[in-house]
PDB file of N, CA and C in Angstrom:
ATOM      1  N   MET A   1       7.076  14.258  -5.902  1.00  0.00           N
ATOM      2  CA  MET A   1       8.200  13.373  -6.325  1.00  0.00           C
ATOM      3  C   MET A   1       7.806  12.177  -6.751  1.00  0.00           C
ATOM      4  N   SER A   2       8.891  11.581  -7.253  1.00  0.00           N
ATOM      5  CA  SER A   2       8.551  10.175  -7.922  1.00  0.00           C
ATOM      6  C   SER A   2       9.671   9.238  -7.292  1.00  0.00           C
ATOM      7  N   THR A   3       9.404   8.059  -7.968  1.00  0.00           N
ATOM      8  CA  THR A   3      10.251   6.874  -7.749  1.00  0.00           C
ATOM      9  C   THR A   3      11.696   7.077  -8.237  1.00  0.00           C
ATOM     10  N   SER A   4      11.892   8.028  -9.568  1.00  0.00           N
ATOM     11  CA  SER A   4      12.998   8.391 -10.295  1.00  0.00           C
ATOM     12  C   SER A   4      13.807   9.134  -8.887  1.00  0.00           C
ATOM     13  N   ARG A   5      13.164  10.096  -8.267  1.00  0.00           N
ATOM     14  CA  ARG A   5      13.874  10.563  -6.889  1.00  0.00           C
ATOM     15  C   ARG A   5      14.415   9.607  -6.174  1.00  0.00           C
ATOM     16  N   ILE A   6      13.839   8.689  -5.938  1.00  0.00           N
ATOM     17  CA  ILE A   6      14.267   7.494  -5.023  1.00  0.00           C
ATOM     18  C   ILE A   6      15.243   6.941  -5.919  1.00  0.00           C
ATOM     19  N   GLU A   7      15.255   6.918  -6.989  1.00  0.00           N
ATOM     20  CA  GLU A   7      16.509   6.147  -7.600  1.00  0.00           C
ATOM     21  C   GLU A   7      17.578   6.727  -7.963  1.00  0.00           C
ATOM     22  N   GLN A   8      17.311   8.005  -8.067  1.00  0.00           N
ATOM     23  CA  GLN A   8      18.484   8.960  -7.857  1.00  0.00           C
ATOM     24  C   GLN A   8      19.368   8.898  -6.696  1.00  0.00           C
ATOM     25  N   TYR A   9      18.589   9.152  -5.537  1.00  0.00           N
ATOM     26  CA  TYR A   9      19.117   8.790  -4.163  1.00  0.00           C
ATOM     27  C   TYR A   9      19.791   7.711  -3.902  1.00  0.00           C
ATOM     28  N   ARG A  10      19.193   6.549  -4.432  1.00  0.00           N
ATOM     29  CA  ARG A  10      19.788   4.809  -4.268  1.00  0.00           C
ATOM     30  C   ARG A  10      21.186   5.161  -5.126  1.00  0.00           C
ATOM     31  N   ALA A  11      21.223   5.806  -6.408  1.00  0.00           N
ATOM     32  CA  ALA A  11      22.241   5.960  -7.074  1.00  0.00           C
ATOM     33  C   ALA A  11      23.284   6.797  -6.158  1.00  0.00           C
ATOM     34  N   PHE A  12      23.516   7.879  -5.528  1.00  0.00           N
ATOM     35  CA  PHE A  12      23.961   8.498  -4.513  1.00  0.00           C
ATOM     36  C   PHE A  12      24.451   7.310  -3.458  1.00  0.00           C
ATOM     37  N   LEU A  13      23.931   6.599  -3.274  1.00  0.00           N
ATOM     38  CA  LEU A  13      24.119   5.602  -2.176  1.00  0.00           C
ATOM     39  C   LEU A  13      25.057   4.501  -2.626  1.00  0.00           C
ATOM     40  N   GLU A  14      25.031   4.080  -3.892  1.00  0.00           N
ATOM     41  CA  GLU A  14      26.058   3.378  -4.326  1.00  0.00           C
ATOM     42  C   GLU A  14      27.331   3.549  -4.362  1.00  0.00           C
ATOM     43  N   LYS A  15      27.419   5.150  -4.804  1.00  0.00           N
ATOM     44  CA  LYS A  15      28.634   5.712  -4.417  1.00  0.00           C
ATOM     45  C   LYS A  15      29.106   6.132  -3.301  1.00  0.00           C
ATOM     46  N   ASP A  16      28.261   6.278  -2.288  1.00  0.00           N
ATOM     47  CA  ASP A  16      28.490   6.738  -0.619  1.00  0.00           C
ATOM     48  C   ASP A  16      27.699   5.968   0.106  1.00  0.00           C
ATOM     49  N   PRO A  17      27.768   4.790   0.236  1.00  0.00           N
ATOM     50  CA  PRO A  17      26.990   4.220   1.304  1.00  0.00           C
ATOM     51  C   PRO A  17      26.622   4.529   2.522  1.00  0.00           C
ATOM     52  N   GLY A  18      27.592   5.477   2.961  1.00  0.00           N
ATOM     53  CA  GLY A  18      27.184   6.042   4.449  1.00  0.00           C
ATOM     54  C   GLY A  18      26.774   7.237   4.411  1.00  0.00           C
ATOM     55  N   ASN A  19      26.218   7.647   3.098  1.00  0.00           N
ATOM     56  CA  ASN A  19      25.565   8.951   3.132  1.00  0.00           C
ATOM     57  C   ASN A  19      23.983   9.019   3.665  1.00  0.00           C
ATOM     58  N   SER A  20      24.088   9.121   4.956  1.00  0.00           N
ATOM     59  CA  SER A  20      22.741   9.002   5.692  1.00  0.00           C
ATOM     60  C   SER A  20      21.644  10.045   5.365  1.00  0.00           C
ATOM     61  N   PHE A  21      22.023  11.191   4.881  1.00  0.00           N
ATOM     62  CA  PHE A  21      21.199  12.431   4.264  1.00  0.00           C
ATOM     63  C   PHE A  21      20.173  11.754   3.065  1.00  0.00           C
ATOM     64  N   ALA A  22      20.995  10.887   2.249  1.00  0.00           N
ATOM     65  CA  ALA A  22      20.358  10.181   1.014  1.00  0.00           C
ATOM     66  C   ALA A  22      19.534   9.168   1.427  1.00  0.00           C
ATOM     67  N   ARG A  23      19.892   8.546   2.517  1.00  0.00           N
ATOM     68  CA  ARG A  23      18.793   7.247   3.157  1.00  0.00           C
ATOM     69  C   ARG A  23      17.602   8.067   3.511  1.00  0.00           C
ATOM     70  N   TYR A  24      17.816   9.467   4.386  1.00  0.00           N
ATOM     71  CA  TYR A  24      16.880  10.039   4.780  1.00  0.00           C
ATOM     72  C   TYR A  24      15.807  10.259   3.802  1.00  0.00           C
ATOM     73  N   VAL A  25      16.372  11.005   2.652  1.00  0.00           N
ATOM     74  CA  VAL A  25      15.416  11.485   1.739  1.00  0.00           C
ATOM     75  C   VAL A  25      14.541  10.631   0.913  1.00  0.00           C
ATOM     76  N   ILE A  26      15.480   9.229   0.978  1.00  0.00           N
ATOM     77  CA  ILE A  26      14.486   8.005   0.292  1.00  0.00           C
ATOM     78  C   ILE A  26      13.470   7.830   1.134  1.00  0.00           C
ATOM     79  N   ALA A  27      13.670   7.538   2.350  1.00  0.00           N
ATOM     80  CA  ALA A  27      12.545   7.489   3.451  1.00  0.00           C
ATOM     81  C   ALA A  27      11.599   8.377   3.207  1.00  0.00           C
ATOM     82  N   GLN A  28      11.555   9.705   3.215  1.00  0.00           N
ATOM     83  CA  GLN A  28      10.526  10.914   2.914  1.00  0.00           C
ATOM     84  C   GLN A  28       9.881  10.834   1.818  1.00  0.00           C
ATOM     85  N   GLU A  29      10.682  10.059   0.600  1.00  0.00           N
ATOM     86  CA  GLU A  29      10.051   9.979  -0.928  1.00  0.00           C
ATOM     87  C   GLU A  29       9.433   9.053  -0.828  1.00  0.00           C
ATOM     88  N   TYR A  30       9.285   8.208  -0.014  1.00  0.00           N
ATOM     89  CA  TYR A  30       8.411   6.858  -0.173  1.00  0.00           C
ATOM     90  C   TYR A  30       7.084   7.452   0.700  1.00  0.00           C
ATOM     91  N   LEU A  31       7.405   8.172   1.785  1.00  0.00           N
ATOM     92  CA  LEU A  31       6.407   8.845   2.245  1.00  0.00           C
ATOM     93  C   LEU A  31       5.296   9.713   1.588  1.00  0.00           C
ATOM     94  N   LYS A  32       5.994  10.464   0.547  1.00  0.00           N
ATOM     95  CA  LYS A  32       5.417  11.206  -0.349  1.00  0.00           C
ATOM     96  C   LYS A  32       4.388  10.351  -1.138  1.00  0.00           C
ATOM     97  N   LEU A  33       4.907   9.254  -1.653  1.00  0.00           N
ATOM     98  CA  LEU A  33       4.260   8.097  -2.532  1.00  0.00           C
ATOM     99  C   LEU A  33       3.351   7.526  -1.683  1.00  0.00           C
ATOM    100  N   ASP A  34       2.988   7.961  -0.633  1.00  0.00           N
ATOM    101  CA  ASP A  34       1.937   6.970   0.505  1.00  0.00           C
ATOM    102  C   ASP A  34       2.331   5.589   0.543  1.00  0.00           C
ATOM    103  N   ASP A  35       3.742   5.281   0.433  1.00  0.00           N
ATOM    104  CA  ASP A  35       4.309   4.006   0.327  1.00  0.00           C
ATOM    105  C   ASP A  35       4.909   4.004   2.149  1.00  0.00           C
ATOM    106  N   VAL A  36       3.999   3.896   2.736  1.00  0.00           N
ATOM    107  CA  VAL A  36       4.611   3.766   4.381  1.00  0.00           C
ATOM    108  C   VAL A  36       5.065   2.761   4.504  1.00  0.00           C
ATOM    109  N   ALA A  37       4.982   1.603   4.210  1.00  0.00           N
ATOM    110  CA  ALA A  37       6.033   0.411   4.414  1.00  0.00           C
ATOM    111  C   ALA A  37       7.297   0.609   4.240  1.00  0.00           C
ATOM    112  N   GLY A  38       7.286   1.179   2.775  1.00  0.00           N
ATOM    113  CA  GLY A  38       8.675   1.282   2.159  1.00  0.00           C
ATOM    114  C   GLY A  38       9.371   2.314   3.049  1.00  0.00           C
ATOM    115  N   ALA A  39       8.606   3.522   3.457  1.00  0.00           N
ATOM    116  CA  ALA A  39       9.549   4.301   4.390  1.00  0.00           C
ATOM    117  C   ALA A  39       9.677   3.746   5.654  1.00  0.00           C
ATOM    118  N   VAL A  40       9.061   2.903   6.277  1.00  0.00           N
ATOM    119  CA  VAL A  40       9.550   2.171   7.663  1.00  0.00           C
ATOM    120  C   VAL A  40      10.709   1.538   7.231  1.00  0.00           C
ATOM    121  N   THR A  41      10.847   0.783   6.386  1.00  0.00           N
ATOM    122  CA  THR A  41      11.972   0.083   5.982  1.00  0.00           C
ATOM    123  C   THR A  41      13.054   0.833   5.660  1.00  0.00           C
ATOM    124  N   ALA A  42      12.918   1.869   5.045  1.00  0.00           N
ATOM    125  CA  ALA A  42      14.152   2.699   4.697  1.00  0.00           C
ATOM    126  C   ALA A  42      14.640   3.778   5.930  1.00  0.00           C
ATOM    127  N   PHE A  43      13.472   3.996   6.811  1.00  0.00           N
ATOM    128  CA  PHE A  43      14.170   4.722   7.954  1.00  0.00           C
ATOM    129  C   PHE A  43      14.737   3.282   8.986  1.00  0.00           C
ATOM    130  N   ASN A  44      14.318   2.306   9.079  1.00  0.00           N
ATOM    131  CA  ASN A  44      15.161   1.290   9.689  1.00  0.00           C
ATOM    132  C   ASN A  44      16.585   1.022   9.132  1.00  0.00           C
ATOM    133  N   GLU A  45      16.514   0.872   7.912  1.00  0.00           N
ATOM    134  CA  GLU A  45      18.076   1.027   6.927  1.00  0.00           C
ATOM    135  C   GLU A  45      19.027   2.107   7.806  1.00  0.00           C
ATOM    136  N   LEU A  46      18.312   3.048   7.671  1.00  0.00           N
ATOM    137  CA  LEU A  46      19.264   4.381   7.835  1.00  0.00           C
ATOM    138  C   LEU A  46      19.485   4.203   9.620  1.00  0.00           C
ATOM    139  N   ILE A  47      18.896   3.815  10.201  1.00  0.00           N
ATOM    140  CA  ILE A  47      19.111   3.609  11.887  1.00  0.00           C
ATOM    141  C   ILE A  47      20.338   2.576  11.876  1.00  0.00           C
ATOM    142  N   THR A  48      20.227   1.437  10.776  1.00  0.00           N
ATOM    143  CA  THR A  48      21.038   0.600  10.939  1.00  0.00           C
ATOM    144  C   THR A  48      22.391   1.138  10.499  1.00  0.00           C
ATOM    145  N   HIS A  49      22.354   1.814   9.616  1.00  0.00           N
ATOM    146  CA  HIS A  49      23.746   2.497   8.999  1.00  0.00           C
ATOM    147  C   HIS A  49      24.169   3.680   9.795  1.00  0.00           C
ATOM    148  N   ASP A  50      23.149   4.131  10.572  1.00  0.00           N
ATOM    149  CA  ASP A  50      23.667   5.659  11.366  1.00  0.00           C
ATOM    150  C   ASP A  50      22.669   5.614  12.452  1.00  0.00           C
ATOM    151  N   ALA A  51      23.326   4.744  13.669  1.00  0.00           N
ATOM    152  CA  ALA A  51      22.001   5.143  14.835  1.00  0.00           C
ATOM    153  C   ALA A  51      22.125   6.564  15.325  1.00  0.00           C
ATOM    154  N   ASP A  52      22.599   7.234  15.392  1.00  0.00           N
ATOM    155  CA  ASP A  52      22.745   8.783  15.592  1.00  0.00           C
ATOM    156  C   ASP A  52      21.886   9.871  14.956  1.00  0.00           C
ATOM    157  N   TYR A  53      21.347   9.216  13.718  1.00  0.00           N
ATOM    158  CA  TYR A  53      20.490  10.130  12.925  1.00  0.00           C
ATOM    159  C   TYR A  53      19.137  10.416  13.437  1.00  0.00           C
ATOM    160  N   VAL A  54      19.149  11.139  14.412  1.00  0.00           N
ATOM    161  CA  VAL A  54      17.900  10.979  15.185  1.00  0.00           C
ATOM    162  C   VAL A  54      16.541  11.397  14.747  1.00  0.00           C
ATOM    163  N   ALA A  55      16.640  11.753  13.635  1.00  0.00           N
ATOM    164  CA  ALA A  55      15.330  12.353  12.956  1.00  0.00           C
ATOM    165  C   ALA A  55      14.586  11.043  12.679  1.00  0.00           C
ATOM    166  N   ALA A  56      15.337  10.126  12.108  1.00  0.00           N
ATOM    167  CA  ALA A  56      15.115   8.716  11.580  1.00  0.00           C
ATOM    168  C   ALA A  56      13.949   8.090  12.827  1.00  0.00           C
ATOM    169  N   TYR A  57      14.562   8.283  13.981  1.00  0.00           N
ATOM    170  CA  TYR A  57      13.341   7.555  15.121  1.00  0.00           C
ATOM    171  C   TYR A  57      12.137   8.244  15.270  1.00  0.00           C
ATOM    172  N   TYR A  58      12.081   9.679  15.062  1.00  0.00           N
ATOM    173  CA  TYR A  58      10.689  10.202  15.144  1.00  0.00           C
ATOM    174  C   TYR A  58       9.978  10.052  14.060  1.00  0.00           C
ATOM    175  N   HIS A  59      10.441  10.372  12.857  1.00  0.00           N
ATOM    176  CA  HIS A  59       9.664  10.004  11.708  1.00  0.00           C
ATOM    177  C   HIS A  59       9.593   8.509  11.149  1.00  0.00           C
ATOM    178  N   GLY A  60      10.429   7.747  11.661  1.00  0.00           N
ATOM    179  CA  GLY A  60      10.389   6.295  11.520  1.00  0.00           C
ATOM    180  C   GLY A  60       9.071   5.653  12.378  1.00  0.00           C
ATOM    181  N   GLY A  61       8.989   6.493  13.807  1.00  0.00           N
ATOM    182  CA  GLY A  61       7.962   6.258  14.414  1.00  0.00           C
ATOM    183  C   GLY A  61       6.803   6.837  13.946  1.00  0.00           C
ATOM    184  N   LYS A  62       6.534   7.784  13.436  1.00  0.00           N
ATOM    185  CA  LYS A  62       5.306   8.023  12.882  1.00  0.00           C
ATOM    186  C   LYS A  62       4.691   7.369  11.690  1.00  0.00           C
ATOM    187  N   ALA A  63       5.888   6.674  11.198  1.00  0.00           N
ATOM    188  CA  ALA A  63       5.279   5.890   9.928  1.00  0.00           C
ATOM    189  C   ALA A  63       4.851   4.731  10.468  1.00  0.00           C
ATOM    190  N   ASN A  64       5.249   4.229  11.365  1.00  0.00           N
ATOM    191  CA  ASN A  64       4.855   3.123  12.117  1.00  0.00           C
ATOM    192  C   ASN A  64       3.736   3.026  12.583  1.00  0.00           C
ATOM    193  N   GLU A  65       3.287   4.306  13.178  1.00  0.00           N
ATOM    194  CA  GLU A  65       2.071   4.699  13.648  1.00  0.00           C
ATOM    195  C   GLU A  65       0.807   4.382  12.537  1.00  0.00           C
ATOM    196  N   ARG A  66       1.135   5.350  11.471  1.00  0.00           N
ATOM    197  CA  ARG A  66       0.204   5.329  10.374  1.00  0.00           C
ATOM    198  C   ARG A  66       0.111   3.618  10.053  1.00  0.00           C
ATOM    199  N   LEU A  67       0.760   2.812  10.059  1.00  0.00           N
ATOM    200  CA  LEU A  67       0.720   1.209   9.884  1.00  0.00           C
ATOM    201  C   LEU A  67      -0.259   0.874  11.137  1.00  0.00           C
ATOM    202  N   ASP A  68      -0.263   1.429  11.992  1.00  0.00           N
ATOM    203  CA  ASP A  68      -0.973   0.990  13.211  1.00  0.00           C
ATOM    204  C   ASP A  68      -0.022  -0.249  13.998  1.00  0.00           C
ATOM    205  N   ASP A  69       1.224   0.253  14.125  1.00  0.00           N
ATOM    206  CA  ASP A  69       2.207  -0.693  14.770  1.00  0.00           C
ATOM    207  C   ASP A  69       2.588   0.141  15.844  1.00  0.00           C
ATOM    208  N   MET A  70       1.773   0.087  16.938  1.00  0.00           N
ATOM    209  CA  MET A  70       2.256   0.854  18.275  1.00  0.00           C
ATOM    210  C   MET A  70       3.606   0.554  18.918  1.00  0.00           C
ATOM    211  N   ALA A  71       3.852  -0.624  18.701  1.00  0.00           N
ATOM    212  CA  ALA A  71       4.820  -1.234  19.558  1.00  0.00           C
ATOM    213  C   ALA A  71       5.838  -0.705  18.571  1.00  0.00           C
ATOM    214  N   ALA A  72       6.256  -0.760  17.664  1.00  0.00           N
ATOM    215  CA  ALA A  72       7.351  -0.365  16.750  1.00  0.00           C
ATOM    216  C   ALA A  72       7.588   0.805  16.667  1.00  0.00           C
ATOM    217  N   ALA A  73       6.651   1.604  17.018  1.00  0.00           N
ATOM    218  CA  ALA A  73       6.465   3.234  17.105  1.00  0.00           C
ATOM    219  C   ALA A  73       7.165   3.473  18.502  1.00  0.00           C
ATOM    220  N   ARG A  74       6.864   2.692  19.611  1.00  0.00           N
ATOM    221  CA  ARG A  74       6.873   3.079  20.618  1.00  0.00           C
ATOM    222  C   ARG A  74       8.749   2.893  20.842  1.00  0.00           C
ATOM    223  N   SER A  75       8.962   1.470  20.529  1.00  0.00           N
ATOM    224  CA  SER A  75      10.350   1.276  20.310  1.00  0.00           C
ATOM    225  C   SER A  75      11.221   2.182  20.014  1.00  0.00           C
ATOM    226  N   LEU A  76      10.961   2.688  18.531  1.00  0.00           N
ATOM    227  CA  LEU A  76      11.511   3.871  17.787  1.00  0.00           C
ATOM    228  C   LEU A  76      12.078   5.221  18.845  1.00  0.00           C
ATOM    229  N   TYR A  77      10.905   5.196  19.310  1.00  0.00           N
ATOM    230  CA  TYR A  77      10.433   6.740  20.317  1.00  0.00           C
ATOM    231  C   TYR A  77      11.683   6.483  21.473  1.00  0.00           C
ATOM    232  N   GLU A  78      11.254   5.134  22.102  1.00  0.00           N
ATOM    233  CA  GLU A  78      12.280   5.033  23.357  1.00  0.00           C
ATOM    234  C   GLU A  78      13.882   5.083  22.893  1.00  0.00           C
ATOM    235  N   ASN A  79      14.246   4.272  21.756  1.00  0.00           N
ATOM    236  CA  ASN A  79      15.512   4.369  21.308  1.00  0.00           C
ATOM    237  C   ASN A  79      16.091   5.613  21.065  1.00  0.00           C
ATOM    238  N   GLY A  80      15.208   6.351  20.296  1.00  0.00           N
ATOM    239  CA  GLY A  80      15.367   7.760  19.833  1.00  0.00           C
ATOM    240  C   GLY A  80      15.632   8.657  21.099  1.00  0.00           C
ATOM    241  N   ILE A  81      15.043   8.709  21.972  1.00  0.00           N
ATOM    242  CA  ILE A  81      15.169   9.412  23.190  1.00  0.00           C
ATOM    243  C   ILE A  81      16.622   9.303  23.933  1.00  0.00           C
ATOM    244  N   ALA A  82      16.761   7.943  23.943  1.00  0.00           N
ATOM    245  CA  ALA A  82      18.265   7.501  24.286  1.00  0.00           C
ATOM    246  C   ALA A  82      19.413   8.220  23.446  1.00  0.00           C
ATOM    247  N   VAL A  83      19.220   8.047  22.508  1.00  0.00           N
ATOM    248  CA  VAL A  83      20.081   8.633  21.556  1.00  0.00           C
ATOM    249  C   VAL A  83      20.303   9.979  21.471  1.00  0.00           C
ATOM    250  N   ALA A  84      18.849  10.777  21.664  1.00  0.00           N
ATOM    251  CA  ALA A  84      19.126  12.226  21.832  1.00  0.00           C
ATOM    252  C   ALA A  84      19.771  12.512  23.084  1.00  0.00           C
ATOM    253  N   GLU A  85      19.449  11.964  23.980  1.00  0.00           N
ATOM    254  CA  GLU A  85      19.954  11.895  25.406  1.00  0.00           C
ATOM    255  C   GLU A  85      21.648  12.157  25.012  1.00  0.00           C
ATOM    256  N   ARG A  86      21.845  10.962  24.396  1.00  0.00           N
ATOM    257  CA  ARG A  86      23.433  10.573  24.493  1.00  0.00           C
ATOM    258  C   ARG A  86      24.197  11.716  23.705  1.00  0.00           C
ATOM    259  N   ILE A  87      23.581  12.083  22.372  1.00  0.00           N
ATOM    260  CA  ILE A  87      24.258  13.183  21.680  1.00  0.00           C
ATOM    261  C   ILE A  87      24.144  14.705  22.018  1.00  0.00           C
ATOM    262  N   GLY A  88      23.135  14.547  23.271  1.00  0.00           N
ATOM    263  CA  GLY A  88      22.899  15.921  23.789  1.00  0.00           C
ATOM    264  C   GLY A  88      21.925  17.022  22.824  1.00  0.00           C
ATOM    265  N   ASP A  89      21.101  16.136  22.108  1.00  0.00           N
ATOM    266  CA  ASP A  89      19.987  17.053  21.164  1.00  0.00           C
ATOM    267  C   ASP A  89      18.586  16.864  22.013  1.00  0.00           C
ATOM    268  N   SER A  90      18.367  18.288  23.059  1.00  0.00           N
ATOM    269  CA  SER A  90      17.366  18.374  23.701  1.00  0.00           C
ATOM    270  C   SER A  90      16.199  18.712  22.915  1.00  0.00           C
ATOM    271  N   HIS A  91      16.104  19.120  21.826  1.00  0.00           N
ATOM    272  CA  HIS A  91      15.088  19.453  21.176  1.00  0.00           C
ATOM    273  C   HIS A  91      14.656  18.053  20.452  1.00  0.00           C
ATOM    274  N   ALA A  92      15.108  17.426  19.793  1.00  0.00           N
ATOM    275  CA  ALA A  92      14.934  15.927  19.560  1.00  0.00           C
ATOM    276  C   ALA A  92      14.404  15.132  20.308  1.00  0.00           C
ATOM    277  N   ARG A  93      14.820  15.140  21.569  1.00  0.00           N
ATOM    278  CA  ARG A  93      14.461  14.519  22.769  1.00  0.00           C
ATOM    279  C   ARG A  93      12.888  15.060  23.103  1.00  0.00           C
ATOM    280  N   ALA A  94      12.834  15.878  22.880  1.00  0.00           N
ATOM    281  CA  ALA A  94      11.461  16.653  23.543  1.00  0.00           C
ATOM    282  C   ALA A  94      10.445  16.356  22.473  1.00  0.00           C
ATOM    283  N   GLU A  95      10.695  16.404  21.419  1.00  0.00           N
ATOM    284  CA  GLU A  95       9.790  15.556  20.490  1.00  0.00           C
ATOM    285  C   GLU A  95       9.396  14.532  20.460  1.00  0.00           C
ATOM    286  N   LEU A  96      10.616  13.556  20.583  1.00  0.00           N
ATOM    287  CA  LEU A  96      10.197  12.145  20.786  1.00  0.00           C
ATOM    288  C   LEU A  96       9.583  11.932  22.114  1.00  0.00           C
ATOM    289  N   GLU A  97      10.028  12.702  23.139  1.00  0.00           N
ATOM    290  CA  GLU A  97       9.040  12.149  24.555  1.00  0.00           C
ATOM    291  C   GLU A  97       7.622  12.573  24.151  1.00  0.00           C
ATOM    292  N   GLU A  98       7.268  13.702  23.546  1.00  0.00           N
ATOM    293  CA  GLU A  98       5.826  14.219  22.985  1.00  0.00           C
ATOM    294  C   GLU A  98       5.214  12.969  22.224  1.00  0.00           C
ATOM    295  N   ALA A  99       5.759  12.439  21.165  1.00  0.00           N
ATOM    296  CA  ALA A  99       5.174  11.466  20.478  1.00  0.00           C
ATOM    297  C   ALA A  99       5.086  10.413  21.149  1.00  0.00           C
ATOM    298  N   LEU A 100       5.926  10.034  22.045  1.00  0.00           N
ATOM    299  CA  LEU A 100       5.693   8.515  23.108  1.00  0.00           C
ATOM    300  C   LEU A 100       4.822   8.900  24.039  1.00  0.00           C
ATOM    301  N   ALA A 101       4.586  10.073  24.514  1.00  0.00           N
ATOM    302  CA  ALA A 101       3.523  10.376  25.438  1.00  0.00           C
ATOM    303  C   ALA A 101       2.235  10.339  24.722  1.00  0.00           C
ATOM    304  N   THR A 102       1.862  10.594  23.260  1.00  0.00           N
ATOM    305  CA  THR A 102       0.524  10.600  22.634  1.00  0.00           C
ATOM    306  C   THR A 102       0.282   9.101  22.172  1.00  0.00           C
ATOM    307  N   LEU A 103       1.096   8.150  22.468  1.00  0.00           N
ATOM    308  CA  LEU A 103       0.737   6.401  22.040  1.00  0.00           C
ATOM    309  C   LEU A 103      -0.446   6.226  23.064  1.00  0.00           C
ATOM    310  N   PRO A 104      -1.164   5.370  22.583  1.00  0.00           N
ATOM    311  CA  PRO A 104      -2.178   5.116  23.330  1.00  0.00           C
ATOM    312  C   PRO A 104      -1.214   3.726  24.413  1.00  0.00           C
ATOM    313  N   PRO A 105      -1.931   3.647  25.479  1.00  0.00           N
ATOM    314  CA  PRO A 105      -1.148   2.506  26.627  1.00  0.00           C
ATOM    315  C   PRO A 105      -0.843   1.341  25.668  1.00  0.00           C
ATOM    316  N   ALA A 106       0.266   0.741  26.054  1.00  0.00           N
ATOM    317  CA  ALA A 106       0.729  -0.488  25.667  1.00  0.00           C
ATOM    318  C   ALA A 106      -0.094  -1.653  25.994  1.00  0.00           C
TER     319      ALA A 106
END
């Protein structure tokens, strides 16, 4: 995919700023372009707009790991676990717990 796909989804957001899926796609597109910092920003924006979009915590954490920012990854995983517990998503919680457990000690 390309920046044109990011631009396409940004246009969707102008019409529907609450569209969490569009924000998620933008973050994933940044990863496909190997713009990890852009992806981290997009995942953080998604969480700001929709704190219950639990996938953003996992993928945002993984992106932060790629940037060697383990503290940010740890924070996202921990916050994501709390969200997954609150919304009753045991699968996401298990994935986030596993990701957290694989981080080097703080």
